[in-house]
């Protein structure tokens, strides 16, 4: 059986992009901030499979986007405090 009969070309490209590290990272301070962002369907439409949703608070679980939903990201996240400080300084 050919691979092309099992998965679509788009699925193969999406999987390849994830494997090559082409996913985007979204960083949030609070879950409320993320929920507000997700409530806007234009934002959700911009998400790609494999995109990560990180929280500054290490006590809050991070997520990644699969083909249909958000899944818990089961990895240790780097300390994002410096990133937030830099972003806050850059955006005023």
Protein backbone atom coordinates (compact mmCIF):
# COMPACT_ATOMS: atom_id res chain seq x y z
CA UNK A 1 0.00 0.00 0.00
CA UNK A 2 1.36 3.41 -0.91
CA UNK A 3 1.88 6.03 1.78
CA UNK A 4 -0.03 8.55 -0.32
CA UNK A 5 -3.16 6.42 0.03
CA UNK A 6 -2.93 6.61 3.84
CA UNK A 7 -2.27 10.31 4.40
CA UNK A 8 -2.76 13.44 2.38
CA UNK A 9 0.07 15.53 1.00
CA UNK A 10 -1.00 18.35 3.35
CA UNK A 11 -0.73 16.05 6.37
CA UNK A 12 2.76 15.00 5.28
CA UNK A 13 3.80 18.65 4.87
CA UNK A 14 2.38 19.55 8.29
CA UNK A 15 4.24 16.66 9.92
CA UNK A 16 7.43 17.64 8.10
CA UNK A 17 7.09 21.26 9.27
CA UNK A 18 6.69 20.13 12.88
CA UNK A 19 9.72 17.83 12.62
CA UNK A 20 11.79 20.68 11.16
CA UNK A 21 10.83 23.06 13.94
CA UNK A 22 8.65 25.36 11.84
CA UNK A 23 5.95 25.61 14.48
CA UNK A 24 5.26 28.95 16.16
CA UNK A 25 5.36 29.65 19.87
CA UNK A 26 2.70 31.76 21.57
CA UNK A 27 3.52 32.98 25.08
CA UNK A 28 0.90 34.00 27.65
CA UNK A 29 1.12 35.35 31.19
CA UNK A 30 -2.28 33.99 32.29
CA UNK A 31 -4.80 31.42 31.10
CA UNK A 32 -7.33 34.25 30.86
CA UNK A 33 -5.04 36.01 28.37
CA UNK A 34 -4.85 32.82 26.28
CA UNK A 35 -8.61 32.24 26.48
CA UNK A 36 -9.29 35.80 25.33
CA UNK A 37 -6.88 35.32 22.43
CA UNK A 38 -8.51 31.99 21.47
CA UNK A 39 -12.01 33.50 21.64
CA UNK A 40 -11.08 35.50 18.53
CA UNK A 41 -11.61 33.05 15.66
CA UNK A 42 -9.21 35.02 13.45
CA UNK A 43 -6.43 34.15 15.90
CA UNK A 44 -7.39 30.47 15.92
CA UNK A 45 -7.41 30.46 12.11
CA UNK A 46 -3.76 31.59 12.17
CA UNK A 47 -2.70 28.60 14.30
CA UNK A 48 -0.96 25.73 12.57
CA UNK A 49 -0.60 22.15 13.63
CA UNK A 50 2.32 21.89 16.02
CA UNK A 51 2.11 25.48 17.28
CA UNK A 52 2.85 25.75 21.00
CA UNK A 53 1.00 27.74 23.66
CA UNK A 54 3.38 28.49 26.53
CA UNK A 55 2.72 30.11 29.90
CA UNK A 56 5.26 32.15 31.86
CA UNK A 57 4.05 30.47 35.06
CA UNK A 58 5.72 27.06 35.17
CA UNK A 59 2.85 25.80 37.35
CA UNK A 60 0.44 26.15 34.40
CA UNK A 61 0.41 23.38 31.78
CA UNK A 62 1.48 24.32 28.26
CA UNK A 63 -0.32 23.14 25.13
CA UNK A 64 0.29 22.38 21.46
CA UNK A 65 -2.12 22.40 18.53
CA UNK A 66 -2.90 19.09 16.86
CA UNK A 67 -5.15 18.69 13.84
CA UNK A 68 -8.38 19.31 15.74
CA UNK A 69 -7.72 20.51 19.27
CA UNK A 70 -5.20 21.60 21.91
CA UNK A 71 -3.19 18.91 23.70
CA UNK A 72 -1.10 19.14 26.86
CA UNK A 73 2.55 19.71 25.97
CA UNK A 74 4.50 17.17 27.96
CA UNK A 75 7.91 18.82 28.11
CA UNK A 76 9.73 21.11 30.48
CA UNK A 77 9.52 24.71 29.34
CA UNK A 78 12.43 27.11 29.60
CA UNK A 79 12.13 30.04 31.98
CA UNK A 80 10.29 32.68 29.92
CA UNK A 81 10.71 35.58 32.37
CA UNK A 82 13.53 37.14 30.33
CA UNK A 83 11.44 36.90 27.17
CA UNK A 84 8.51 38.64 28.82
CA UNK A 85 10.78 41.35 30.23
CA UNK A 86 12.30 41.97 26.80
CA UNK A 87 8.88 41.97 25.09
CA UNK A 88 7.47 44.38 27.67
CA UNK A 89 10.46 46.69 27.21
CA UNK A 90 10.16 46.52 23.42
CA UNK A 91 6.43 47.21 23.34
CA UNK A 92 6.44 49.80 26.09
